[in-house]
Each structure stands twice: as structure tokens, then as C-alpha cells.
Amino acid sequence: MLNMVDVLYLHVDVTQRLDQLVFDPVYIRNLGMASMEMKSCFDFIFAIDNQVLDRICKHILPRIHHKINKFIVEQNSMERVLHTIHYIQLYSLSLVDFQREVLIKYLAG
């Protein structure tokens, strides 16, 4: 099953019709930018490949930023995703798989 990160990376700019489907406000209103990889039953990794993240930050988020209401981000991509552009409709930010020290650094800074 594809998560939203995969959908954006693989299907945007393929055809105009796919762009209309992918950019439909129903799908991107609540955007999950955390990709989970399961190493074992008790060990999960939340990370987005740098190439995927780069494309999304440079070419996709600027096109949809005004439609995003809720964002789910993980520690390794948060800074790039949130500093890419201003999200004028954003009212909810969920953080996934953050280490306490990193979270305190962001909140204090």
C-alpha cells in the first residue's frame, strides 16, 4: 500500500489527470509526511528518502501549501518540510518518532 509520500513522489507530473487526483483537497488536506519502515515487530524507522524529500519540498509543497490543514512529520524531515514554505491554512501539526532532546531543542528555539 502506498502512503501519501509515495503517491506525491511517484504520481505528480506524470499526467494532468493524475495531478488533479493527487492534488484533490480531500487527499492533501491532512498530509502525512512520515514514511514508516518496519525492521522487526518492535523496531520501526520513520524516515523519508532524501531524494524523495527533496522533490517534494522543491516541486510539490509549493503547489499545495495553501490547501494543507493538518501535517504529520517525522524528526528527520521536519525542518526541511516546515521551512520550505508558509502554510497559511495549517492548524494542526503532529510529530512522529521524535527524540525528547530534539523536540525540546525545537520547542525552546
PDB file of N, CA and C in Angstrom:
ATOM      1  N   MET A   1       0.838  -1.179   0.000  1.00  0.00           N
ATOM      2  CA  MET A   1       0.000   0.000   0.000  1.00  0.00           C
ATOM      3  C   MET A   1       0.889   1.251   0.000  1.00  0.00           C
ATOM      4  N   LEU A   2       0.562   2.216  -0.836  1.00  0.00           N
ATOM      5  CA  LEU A   2       1.330   3.451  -0.931  1.00  0.00           C
ATOM      6  C   LEU A   2       0.870   4.444   0.131  1.00  0.00           C
ATOM      7  N   ASN A   3       1.827   5.109   0.775  1.00  0.00           N
ATOM      8  CA  ASN A   3       1.465   6.197   1.664  1.00  0.00           C
ATOM      9  C   ASN A   3       1.481   7.488   0.849  1.00  0.00           C
ATOM     10  N   MET A   4       1.097   8.599   1.461  1.00  0.00           N
ATOM     11  CA  MET A   4       0.980   9.856   0.714  1.00  0.00           C
ATOM     12  C   MET A   4       2.325  10.340   0.188  1.00  0.00           C
ATOM     13  N   VAL A   5       3.390  10.083   0.901  1.00  0.00           N
ATOM     14  CA  VAL A   5       4.723  10.462   0.420  1.00  0.00           C
ATOM     15  C   VAL A   5       5.007   9.764  -0.911  1.00  0.00           C
ATOM     16  N   ASP A   6       4.732   8.474  -0.976  1.00  0.00           N
ATOM     17  CA  ASP A   6       4.948   7.720  -2.212  1.00  0.00           C
ATOM     18  C   ASP A   6       4.047   8.209  -3.337  1.00  0.00           C
ATOM     19  N   VAL A   7       2.800   8.478  -3.017  1.00  0.00           N
ATOM     20  CA  VAL A   7       1.860   8.958  -4.026  1.00  0.00           C
ATOM     21  C   VAL A   7       2.341  10.271  -4.624  1.00  0.00           C
ATOM     22  N   LEU A   8       2.736  11.215  -3.767  1.00  0.00           N
ATOM     23  CA  LEU A   8       3.220  12.505  -4.270  1.00  0.00           C
ATOM     24  C   LEU A   8       4.468  12.330  -5.121  1.00  0.00           C
ATOM     25  N   TYR A   9       5.387  11.528  -4.644  1.00  0.00           N
ATOM     26  CA  TYR A   9       6.653  11.351  -5.357  1.00  0.00           C
ATOM     27  C   TYR A   9       6.460  10.648  -6.701  1.00  0.00           C
ATOM     28  N   LEU A  10       5.648   9.620  -6.729  1.00  0.00           N
ATOM     29  CA  LEU A  10       5.534   8.788  -7.926  1.00  0.00           C
ATOM     30  C   LEU A  10       4.542   9.298  -8.970  1.00  0.00           C
ATOM     31  N   HIS A  11       3.512  10.022  -8.547  1.00  0.00           N
ATOM     32  CA  HIS A  11       2.422  10.311  -9.475  1.00  0.00           C
ATOM     33  C   HIS A  11       2.266  11.777  -9.879  1.00  0.00           C
ATOM     34  N   VAL A  12       2.942  12.687  -9.213  1.00  0.00           N
ATOM     35  CA  VAL A  12       2.828  14.098  -9.585  1.00  0.00           C
ATOM     36  C   VAL A  12       3.646  14.352 -10.847  1.00  0.00           C
ATOM     37  N   ASP A  13       3.060  15.117 -11.748  1.00  0.00           N
ATOM     38  CA  ASP A  13       3.667  15.494 -13.032  1.00  0.00           C
ATOM     39  C   ASP A  13       3.786  14.340 -14.020  1.00  0.00           C
ATOM     40  N   VAL A  14       3.057  13.262 -13.786  1.00  0.00           N
ATOM     41  CA  VAL A  14       3.025  12.178 -14.773  1.00  0.00           C
ATOM     42  C   VAL A  14       2.031  12.551 -15.865  1.00  0.00           C
ATOM     43  N   THR A  15       0.802  12.872 -15.466  1.00  0.00           N
ATOM     44  CA  THR A  15      -0.208  13.379 -16.390  1.00  0.00           C
ATOM     45  C   THR A  15      -1.020  14.440 -15.663  1.00  0.00           C
ATOM     46  N   GLN A  16      -1.701  15.250 -16.428  1.00  0.00           N
ATOM     47  CA  GLN A  16      -2.525  16.306 -15.836  1.00  0.00           C
ATOM     48  C   GLN A  16      -3.666  15.689 -15.016  1.00  0.00           C
ATOM     49  N   ARG A  17      -4.219  14.606 -15.488  1.00  0.00           N
ATOM     50  CA  ARG A  17      -5.323  13.952 -14.776  1.00  0.00           C
ATOM     51  C   ARG A  17      -4.850  13.398 -13.418  1.00  0.00           C
ATOM     52  N   LEU A  18      -3.683  12.781 -13.392  1.00  0.00           N
ATOM     53  CA  LEU A  18      -3.142  12.288 -12.127  1.00  0.00           C
ATOM     54  C   LEU A  18      -2.883  13.439 -11.154  1.00  0.00           C
ATOM     55  N   ASP A  19      -2.393  14.557 -11.666  1.00  0.00           N
ATOM     56  CA  ASP A  19      -2.183  15.731 -10.806  1.00  0.00           C
ATOM     57  C   ASP A  19      -3.499  16.183 -10.170  1.00  0.00           C
ATOM     58  N   GLN A  20      -4.565  16.197 -10.958  1.00  0.00           N
ATOM     59  CA  GLN A  20      -5.865  16.588 -10.418  1.00  0.00           C
ATOM     60  C   GLN A  20      -6.292  15.646  -9.297  1.00  0.00           C
ATOM     61  N   LEU A  21      -6.079  14.364  -9.482  1.00  0.00           N
ATOM     62  CA  LEU A  21      -6.454  13.394  -8.456  1.00  0.00           C
ATOM     63  C   LEU A  21      -5.588  13.519  -7.209  1.00  0.00           C
ATOM     64  N   VAL A  22      -4.270  13.598  -7.398  1.00  0.00           N
ATOM     65  CA  VAL A  22      -3.346  13.661  -6.272  1.00  0.00           C
ATOM     66  C   VAL A  22      -3.521  14.958  -5.491  1.00  0.00           C
ATOM     67  N   PHE A  23      -3.749  16.061  -6.178  1.00  0.00           N
ATOM     68  CA  PHE A  23      -3.870  17.359  -5.532  1.00  0.00           C
ATOM     69  C   PHE A  23      -5.287  17.687  -5.071  1.00  0.00           C
ATOM     70  N   ASP A  24      -6.175  16.737  -5.153  1.00  0.00           N
ATOM     71  CA  ASP A  24      -7.537  16.949  -4.682  1.00  0.00           C
ATOM     72  C   ASP A  24      -7.485  17.303  -3.191  1.00  0.00           C
ATOM     73  N   PRO A  25      -8.168  18.367  -2.785  1.00  0.00           N
ATOM     74  CA  PRO A  25      -8.121  18.798  -1.387  1.00  0.00           C
ATOM     75  C   PRO A  25      -8.513  17.715  -0.388  1.00  0.00           C
ATOM     76  N   VAL A  26      -9.338  16.789  -0.791  1.00  0.00           N
ATOM     77  CA  VAL A  26      -9.736  15.703   0.108  1.00  0.00           C
ATOM     78  C   VAL A  26      -8.517  14.893   0.543  1.00  0.00           C
ATOM     79  N   TYR A  27      -7.563  14.713  -0.352  1.00  0.00           N
ATOM     80  CA  TYR A  27      -6.392  13.888  -0.058  1.00  0.00           C
ATOM     81  C   TYR A  27      -5.244  14.651   0.587  1.00  0.00           C
ATOM     82  N   ILE A  28      -5.082  15.911   0.235  1.00  0.00           N
ATOM     83  CA  ILE A  28      -3.908  16.635   0.743  1.00  0.00           C
ATOM     84  C   ILE A  28      -4.222  17.556   1.913  1.00  0.00           C
ATOM     85  N   ARG A  29      -5.468  17.672   2.274  1.00  0.00           N
ATOM     86  CA  ARG A  29      -5.846  18.498   3.426  1.00  0.00           C
ATOM     87  C   ARG A  29      -5.122  18.032   4.680  1.00  0.00           C
ATOM     88  N   ASN A  30      -5.071  16.720   4.882  1.00  0.00           N
ATOM     89  CA  ASN A  30      -4.380  16.114   6.018  1.00  0.00           C
ATOM     90  C   ASN A  30      -3.192  15.341   5.461  1.00  0.00           C
ATOM     91  N   LEU A  31      -2.060  15.975   5.440  1.00  0.00           N
ATOM     92  CA  LEU A  31      -0.898  15.414   4.751  1.00  0.00           C
ATOM     93  C   LEU A  31       0.058  14.739   5.722  1.00  0.00           C
ATOM     94  N   GLY A  32       0.255  13.466   5.525  1.00  0.00           N
ATOM     95  CA  GLY A  32       1.192  12.701   6.339  1.00  0.00           C
ATOM     96  C   GLY A  32       2.533  12.599   5.647  1.00  0.00           C
ATOM     97  N   MET A  33       3.548  13.217   6.225  1.00  0.00           N
ATOM     98  CA  MET A  33       4.892  13.193   5.645  1.00  0.00           C
ATOM     99  C   MET A  33       5.813  12.308   6.478  1.00  0.00           C
ATOM    100  N   ALA A  34       5.263  11.235   7.000  1.00  0.00           N
ATOM    101  CA  ALA A  34       6.067  10.269   7.746  1.00  0.00           C
ATOM    102  C   ALA A  34       5.935   8.928   7.039  1.00  0.00           C
ATOM    103  N   SER A  35       7.044   8.387   6.667  1.00  0.00           N
ATOM    104  CA  SER A  35       7.072   7.102   5.993  1.00  0.00           C
ATOM    105  C   SER A  35       7.672   6.086   6.961  1.00  0.00           C
ATOM    106  N   MET A  36       6.946   5.018   7.218  1.00  0.00           N
ATOM    107  CA  MET A  36       7.390   4.053   8.217  1.00  0.00           C
ATOM    108  C   MET A  36       7.937   2.792   7.562  1.00  0.00           C
ATOM    109  N   GLU A  37       9.069   2.344   8.062  1.00  0.00           N
ATOM    110  CA  GLU A  37       9.665   1.081   7.641  1.00  0.00           C
ATOM    111  C   GLU A  37       9.778   0.196   8.868  1.00  0.00           C
ATOM    112  N   MET A  38       9.286  -1.019   8.755  1.00  0.00           N
ATOM    113  CA  MET A  38       9.306  -1.936   9.890  1.00  0.00           C
ATOM    114  C   MET A  38      10.500  -2.865   9.771  1.00  0.00           C
ATOM    115  N   LYS A  39      11.423  -2.750  10.724  1.00  0.00           N
ATOM    116  CA  LYS A  39      12.600  -3.620  10.738  1.00  0.00           C
ATOM    117  C   LYS A  39      12.295  -4.930  11.452  1.00  0.00           C
ATOM    118  N   SER A  40      11.496  -4.875  12.498  1.00  0.00           N
ATOM    119  CA  SER A  40      11.048  -6.052  13.232  1.00  0.00           C
ATOM    120  C   SER A  40       9.747  -5.675  13.936  1.00  0.00           C
ATOM    121  N   CYS A  41       9.196  -6.599  14.692  1.00  0.00           N
ATOM    122  CA  CYS A  41       7.933  -6.322  15.391  1.00  0.00           C
ATOM    123  C   CYS A  41       8.045  -5.156  16.367  1.00  0.00           C
ATOM    124  N   PHE A  42       9.239  -4.903  16.858  1.00  0.00           N
ATOM    125  CA  PHE A  42       9.434  -3.870  17.876  1.00  0.00           C
ATOM    126  C   PHE A  42      10.318  -2.720  17.408  1.00  0.00           C
ATOM    127  N   ASP A  43      10.735  -2.749  16.170  1.00  0.00           N
ATOM    128  CA  ASP A  43      11.687  -1.751  15.687  1.00  0.00           C
ATOM    129  C   ASP A  43      11.170  -1.128  14.390  1.00  0.00           C
ATOM    130  N   PHE A  44      10.823   0.138  14.470  1.00  0.00           N
ATOM    131  CA  PHE A  44      10.307   0.867  13.329  1.00  0.00           C
ATOM    132  C   PHE A  44      11.234   2.036  13.013  1.00  0.00           C
ATOM    133  N   ILE A  45      11.323   2.377  11.743  1.00  0.00           N
ATOM    134  CA  ILE A  45      12.076   3.548  11.307  1.00  0.00           C
ATOM    135  C   ILE A  45      11.104   4.478  10.595  1.00  0.00           C
ATOM    136  N   PHE A  46      11.102   5.726  11.000  1.00  0.00           N
ATOM    137  CA  PHE A  46      10.296   6.738  10.334  1.00  0.00           C
ATOM    138  C   PHE A  46      11.258   7.671   9.620  1.00  0.00           C
ATOM    139  N   ALA A  47      11.332   7.556   8.325  1.00  0.00           N
ATOM    140  CA  ALA A  47      12.240   8.419   7.568  1.00  0.00           C
ATOM    141  C   ALA A  47      11.825   8.429   6.106  1.00  0.00           C
ATOM    142  N   ILE A  48      12.079   9.539   5.479  1.00  0.00           N
ATOM    143  CA  ILE A  48      11.805   9.689   4.057  1.00  0.00           C
ATOM    144  C   ILE A  48      13.147   9.778   3.342  1.00  0.00           C
ATOM    145  N   ASP A  49      13.255   9.069   2.252  1.00  0.00           N
ATOM    146  CA  ASP A  49      14.462   9.104   1.442  1.00  0.00           C
ATOM    147  C   ASP A  49      14.768  10.548   1.041  1.00  0.00           C
ATOM    148  N   ASN A  50      16.035  10.940   1.078  1.00  0.00           N
ATOM    149  CA  ASN A  50      16.428  12.329   0.765  1.00  0.00           C
ATOM    150  C   ASN A  50      16.021  12.762  -0.629  1.00  0.00           C
ATOM    151  N   GLN A  51      16.125  11.885  -1.606  1.00  0.00           N
ATOM    152  CA  GLN A  51      15.736  12.230  -2.977  1.00  0.00           C
ATOM    153  C   GLN A  51      14.233  12.509  -3.051  1.00  0.00           C
ATOM    154  N   VAL A  52      13.456  11.693  -2.373  1.00  0.00           N
ATOM    155  CA  VAL A  52      12.003  11.874  -2.336  1.00  0.00           C
ATOM    156  C   VAL A  52      11.664  13.176  -1.622  1.00  0.00           C
ATOM    157  N   LEU A  53      12.273  13.400  -0.474  1.00  0.00           N
ATOM    158  CA  LEU A  53      12.022  14.607   0.300  1.00  0.00           C
ATOM    159  C   LEU A  53      12.412  15.863  -0.476  1.00  0.00           C
ATOM    160  N   ASP A  54      13.517  15.811  -1.176  1.00  0.00           N
ATOM    161  CA  ASP A  54      13.975  16.947  -1.974  1.00  0.00           C
ATOM    162  C   ASP A  54      12.954  17.315  -3.051  1.00  0.00           C
ATOM    163  N   ARG A  55      12.471  16.319  -3.757  1.00  0.00           N
ATOM    164  CA  ARG A  55      11.471  16.572  -4.814  1.00  0.00           C
ATOM    165  C   ARG A  55      10.178  17.126  -4.228  1.00  0.00           C
ATOM    166  N   ILE A  56       9.736  16.561  -3.138  1.00  0.00           N
ATOM    167  CA  ILE A  56       8.501  17.032  -2.519  1.00  0.00           C
ATOM    168  C   ILE A  56       8.643  18.471  -2.035  1.00  0.00           C
ATOM    169  N   CYS A  57       9.756  18.788  -1.385  1.00  0.00           N
ATOM    170  CA  CYS A  57       9.961  20.146  -0.863  1.00  0.00           C
ATOM    171  C   CYS A  57      10.123  21.184  -1.962  1.00  0.00           C
ATOM    172  N   LYS A  58      10.813  20.838  -3.022  1.00  0.00           N
ATOM    173  CA  LYS A  58      11.083  21.810  -4.089  1.00  0.00           C
ATOM    174  C   LYS A  58       9.965  21.946  -5.101  1.00  0.00           C
ATOM    175  N   HIS A  59       9.276  20.846  -5.417  1.00  0.00           N
ATOM    176  CA  HIS A  59       8.351  20.881  -6.547  1.00  0.00           C
ATOM    177  C   HIS A  59       6.886  20.645  -6.201  1.00  0.00           C
ATOM    178  N   ILE A  60       6.629  20.053  -5.052  1.00  0.00           N
ATOM    179  CA  ILE A  60       5.243  19.699  -4.752  1.00  0.00           C
ATOM    180  C   ILE A  60       4.642  20.584  -3.658  1.00  0.00           C
ATOM    181  N   LEU A  61       5.328  20.740  -2.541  1.00  0.00           N
ATOM    182  CA  LEU A  61       4.779  21.564  -1.458  1.00  0.00           C
ATOM    183  C   LEU A  61       4.465  22.994  -1.891  1.00  0.00           C
ATOM    184  N   PRO A  62       5.280  23.640  -2.728  1.00  0.00           N
ATOM    185  CA  PRO A  62       4.913  24.991  -3.171  1.00  0.00           C
ATOM    186  C   PRO A  62       3.590  25.038  -3.953  1.00  0.00           C
ATOM    187  N   ARG A  63       3.185  23.931  -4.523  1.00  0.00           N
ATOM    188  CA  ARG A  63       1.939  23.880  -5.292  1.00  0.00           C
ATOM    189  C   ARG A  63       0.717  23.592  -4.429  1.00  0.00           C
ATOM    190  N   ILE A  64       0.919  23.040  -3.230  1.00  0.00           N
ATOM    191  CA  ILE A  64      -0.222  22.622  -2.418  1.00  0.00           C
ATOM    192  C   ILE A  64      -0.253  23.238  -1.023  1.00  0.00           C
ATOM    193  N   HIS A  65       0.726  24.062  -0.680  1.00  0.00           N
ATOM    194  CA  HIS A  65       0.854  24.585   0.685  1.00  0.00           C
ATOM    195  C   HIS A  65      -0.409  25.254   1.196  1.00  0.00           C
ATOM    196  N   HIS A  66      -1.147  25.926   0.343  1.00  0.00           N
ATOM    197  CA  HIS A  66      -2.339  26.664   0.749  1.00  0.00           C
ATOM    198  C   HIS A  66      -3.539  25.758   1.029  1.00  0.00           C
ATOM    199  N   LYS A  67      -3.417  24.465   0.728  1.00  0.00           N
ATOM    200  CA  LYS A  67      -4.516  23.522   0.951  1.00  0.00           C
ATOM    201  C   LYS A  67      -4.307  22.632   2.178  1.00  0.00           C
ATOM    202  N   ILE A  68      -3.132  22.682   2.783  1.00  0.00           N
ATOM    203  CA  ILE A  68      -2.806  21.773   3.883  1.00  0.00           C
ATOM    204  C   ILE A  68      -3.323  22.332   5.209  1.00  0.00           C
ATOM    205  N   ASN A  69      -4.157  21.517   5.891  1.00  0.00           N
ATOM    206  CA  ASN A  69      -4.690  21.885   7.206  1.00  0.00           C
ATOM    207  C   ASN A  69      -3.966  21.172   8.338  1.00  0.00           C
ATOM    208  N   LYS A  70      -3.674  19.914   8.117  1.00  0.00           N
ATOM    209  CA  LYS A  70      -3.001  19.102   9.137  1.00  0.00           C
ATOM    210  C   LYS A  70      -1.757  18.486   8.524  1.00  0.00           C
ATOM    211  N   PHE A  71      -0.691  18.485   9.318  1.00  0.00           N
ATOM    212  CA  PHE A  71       0.584  17.951   8.856  1.00  0.00           C
ATOM    213  C   PHE A  71       1.084  16.921   9.859  1.00  0.00           C
ATOM    214  N   ILE A  72       1.548  15.791   9.361  1.00  0.00           N
ATOM    215  CA  ILE A  72       2.213  14.795  10.192  1.00  0.00           C
ATOM    216  C   ILE A  72       3.641  14.701   9.677  1.00  0.00           C
ATOM    217  N   VAL A  73       4.607  14.987  10.546  1.00  0.00           N
ATOM    218  CA  VAL A  73       6.011  14.964  10.130  1.00  0.00           C
ATOM    219  C   VAL A  73       6.838  14.151  11.121  1.00  0.00           C
ATOM    220  N   GLU A  74       7.951  13.658  10.631  1.00  0.00           N
ATOM    221  CA  GLU A  74       8.883  12.927  11.483  1.00  0.00           C
ATOM    222  C   GLU A  74      10.141  13.763  11.667  1.00  0.00           C
ATOM    223  N   GLN A  75      10.929  13.371  12.627  1.00  0.00           N
ATOM    224  CA  GLN A  75      12.083  14.152  13.080  1.00  0.00           C
ATOM    225  C   GLN A  75      13.055  14.520  11.966  1.00  0.00           C
ATOM    226  N   ASN A  76      13.384  13.587  11.102  1.00  0.00           N
ATOM    227  CA  ASN A  76      14.430  13.830  10.100  1.00  0.00           C
ATOM    228  C   ASN A  76      14.011  14.765   8.976  1.00  0.00           C
ATOM    229  N   SER A  77      12.719  14.920   8.748  1.00  0.00           N
ATOM    230  CA  SER A  77      12.288  15.780   7.645  1.00  0.00           C
ATOM    231  C   SER A  77      11.591  17.059   8.110  1.00  0.00           C
ATOM    232  N   MET A  78      11.360  17.195   9.400  1.00  0.00           N
ATOM    233  CA  MET A  78      10.578  18.322   9.899  1.00  0.00           C
ATOM    234  C   MET A  78      11.138  19.684   9.487  1.00  0.00           C
ATOM    235  N   GLU A  79      12.415  19.881   9.694  1.00  0.00           N
ATOM    236  CA  GLU A  79      12.988  21.191   9.406  1.00  0.00           C
ATOM    237  C   GLU A  79      12.850  21.550   7.925  1.00  0.00           C
ATOM    238  N   ARG A  80      13.162  20.632   7.050  1.00  0.00           N
ATOM    239  CA  ARG A  80      13.048  20.917   5.610  1.00  0.00           C
ATOM    240  C   ARG A  80      11.610  21.138   5.184  1.00  0.00           C
ATOM    241  N   VAL A  81      10.704  20.326   5.687  1.00  0.00           N
ATOM    242  CA  VAL A  81       9.302  20.426   5.293  1.00  0.00           C
ATOM    243  C   VAL A  81       8.687  21.726   5.803  1.00  0.00           C
ATOM    244  N   LEU A  82       8.950  22.067   7.049  1.00  0.00           N
ATOM    245  CA  LEU A  82       8.317  23.253   7.618  1.00  0.00           C
ATOM    246  C   LEU A  82       8.983  24.559   7.205  1.00  0.00           C
ATOM    247  N   HIS A  83      10.237  24.526   6.806  1.00  0.00           N
ATOM    248  CA  HIS A  83      10.919  25.747   6.367  1.00  0.00           C
ATOM    249  C   HIS A  83      10.878  25.942   4.862  1.00  0.00           C
ATOM    250  N   THR A  84      10.234  25.053   4.158  1.00  0.00           N
ATOM    251  CA  THR A  84      10.127  25.167   2.706  1.00  0.00           C
ATOM    252  C   THR A  84       9.225  26.321   2.305  1.00  0.00           C
ATOM    253  N   ILE A  85       8.123  26.462   3.028  1.00  0.00           N
ATOM    254  CA  ILE A  85       7.104  27.428   2.633  1.00  0.00           C
ATOM    255  C   ILE A  85       6.196  27.716   3.818  1.00  0.00           C
ATOM    256  N   HIS A  86       5.433  28.782   3.740  1.00  0.00           N
ATOM    257  CA  HIS A  86       4.472  29.133   4.793  1.00  0.00           C
ATOM    258  C   HIS A  86       3.146  28.428   4.499  1.00  0.00           C
ATOM    259  N   TYR A  87       2.612  27.744   5.495  1.00  0.00           N
ATOM    260  CA  TYR A  87       1.363  27.007   5.343  1.00  0.00           C
ATOM    261  C   TYR A  87       0.236  27.824   5.969  1.00  0.00           C
ATOM    262  N   ILE A  88      -0.474  28.559   5.141  1.00  0.00           N
ATOM    263  CA  ILE A  88      -1.447  29.536   5.628  1.00  0.00           C
ATOM    264  C   ILE A  88      -2.687  28.901   6.257  1.00  0.00           C
ATOM    265  N   GLN A  89      -3.020  27.673   5.904  1.00  0.00           N
ATOM    266  CA  GLN A  89      -4.201  27.001   6.446  1.00  0.00           C
ATOM    267  C   GLN A  89      -3.865  25.983   7.532  1.00  0.00           C
ATOM    268  N   LEU A  90      -2.603  25.867   7.903  1.00  0.00           N
ATOM    269  CA  LEU A  90      -2.171  24.848   8.860  1.00  0.00           C
ATOM    270  C   LEU A  90      -2.666  25.165  10.270  1.00  0.00           C
ATOM    271  N   TYR A  91      -3.384  24.218  10.860  1.00  0.00           N
ATOM    272  CA  TYR A  91      -3.838  24.399  12.234  1.00  0.00           C
ATOM    273  C   TYR A  91      -3.494  23.208  13.133  1.00  0.00           C
ATOM    274  N   SER A  92      -2.905  22.160  12.571  1.00  0.00           N
ATOM    275  CA  SER A  92      -2.549  21.002  13.379  1.00  0.00           C
ATOM    276  C   SER A  92      -1.229  20.422  12.881  1.00  0.00           C
ATOM    277  N   LEU A  93      -0.321  20.201  13.818  1.00  0.00           N
ATOM    278  CA  LEU A  93       0.975  19.614  13.494  1.00  0.00           C
ATOM    279  C   LEU A  93       1.198  18.424  14.413  1.00  0.00           C
ATOM    280  N   SER A  94       1.343  17.248  13.820  1.00  0.00           N
ATOM    281  CA  SER A  94       1.605  16.036  14.597  1.00  0.00           C
ATOM    282  C   SER A  94       3.036  15.603  14.358  1.00  0.00           C
ATOM    283  N   LEU A  95       3.720  15.277  15.436  1.00  0.00           N
ATOM    284  CA  LEU A  95       5.117  14.884  15.365  1.00  0.00           C
ATOM    285  C   LEU A  95       5.230  13.391  15.640  1.00  0.00           C
ATOM    286  N   VAL A  96       5.966  12.691  14.783  1.00  0.00           N
ATOM    287  CA  VAL A  96       6.100  11.247  14.887  1.00  0.00           C
ATOM    288  C   VAL A  96       7.556  10.885  15.125  1.00  0.00           C
ATOM    289  N   ASP A  97       7.792  10.013  16.085  1.00  0.00           N
ATOM    290  CA  ASP A  97       9.108   9.433  16.332  1.00  0.00           C
ATOM    291  C   ASP A  97      10.176  10.489  16.635  1.00  0.00           C
ATOM    292  N   PHE A  98       9.875  11.371  17.573  1.00  0.00           N
ATOM    293  CA  PHE A  98      10.828  12.399  17.975  1.00  0.00           C
ATOM    294  C   PHE A  98      11.557  11.972  19.231  1.00  0.00           C
ATOM    295  N   GLN A  99      12.859  12.214  19.250  1.00  0.00           N
ATOM    296  CA  GLN A  99      13.614  12.023  20.471  1.00  0.00           C
ATOM    297  C   GLN A  99      13.374  13.239  21.353  1.00  0.00           C
ATOM    298  N   ARG A 100      13.311  13.013  22.625  1.00  0.00           N
ATOM    299  CA  ARG A 100      12.986  14.074  23.577  1.00  0.00           C
ATOM    300  C   ARG A 100      13.911  15.284  23.430  1.00  0.00           C
ATOM    301  N   GLU A 101      15.210  15.047  23.309  1.00  0.00           N
ATOM    302  CA  GLU A 101      16.179  16.145  23.213  1.00  0.00           C
ATOM    303  C   GLU A 101      15.942  16.997  21.967  1.00  0.00           C
ATOM    304  N   VAL A 102      15.632  16.346  20.880  1.00  0.00           N
ATOM    305  CA  VAL A 102      15.389  17.073  19.622  1.00  0.00           C
ATOM    306  C   VAL A 102      14.116  17.899  19.734  1.00  0.00           C
ATOM    307  N   LEU A 103      13.099  17.313  20.292  1.00  0.00           N
ATOM    308  CA  LEU A 103      11.836  18.039  20.448  1.00  0.00           C
ATOM    309  C   LEU A 103      12.009  19.255  21.353  1.00  0.00           C
ATOM    310  N   ILE A 104      12.716  19.100  22.448  1.00  0.00           N
ATOM    311  CA  ILE A 104      12.962  20.223  23.362  1.00  0.00           C
ATOM    312  C   ILE A 104      13.749  21.319  22.658  1.00  0.00           C
ATOM    313  N   LYS A 105      14.718  20.929  21.831  1.00  0.00           N
ATOM    314  CA  LYS A 105      15.508  21.907  21.068  1.00  0.00           C
ATOM    315  C   LYS A 105      14.605  22.736  20.156  1.00  0.00           C
ATOM    316  N   TYR A 106      13.680  22.079  19.442  1.00  0.00           N
ATOM    317  CA  TYR A 106      12.774  22.793  18.547  1.00  0.00           C
ATOM    318  C   TYR A 106      11.816  23.679  19.313  1.00  0.00           C
ATOM    319  N   LEU A 107      11.295  23.180  20.407  1.00  0.00           N
ATOM    320  CA  LEU A 107      10.326  23.959  21.184  1.00  0.00           C
ATOM    321  C   LEU A 107      10.973  25.147  21.885  1.00  0.00           C
ATOM    322  N   ALA A 108      12.209  24.973  22.363  1.00  0.00           N
ATOM    323  CA  ALA A 108      12.906  26.043  23.054  1.00  0.00           C
ATOM    324  C   ALA A 108      13.449  27.088  22.076  1.00  0.00           C
ATOM    325  N   GLY A 109      13.806  26.655  20.879  1.00  0.00           N
ATOM    326  CA  GLY A 109      14.385  27.564  19.903  1.00  0.00           C
ATOM    327  C   GLY A 109      13.331  28.259  19.138  1.00  0.00           C
TER     328      GLY A 109
END
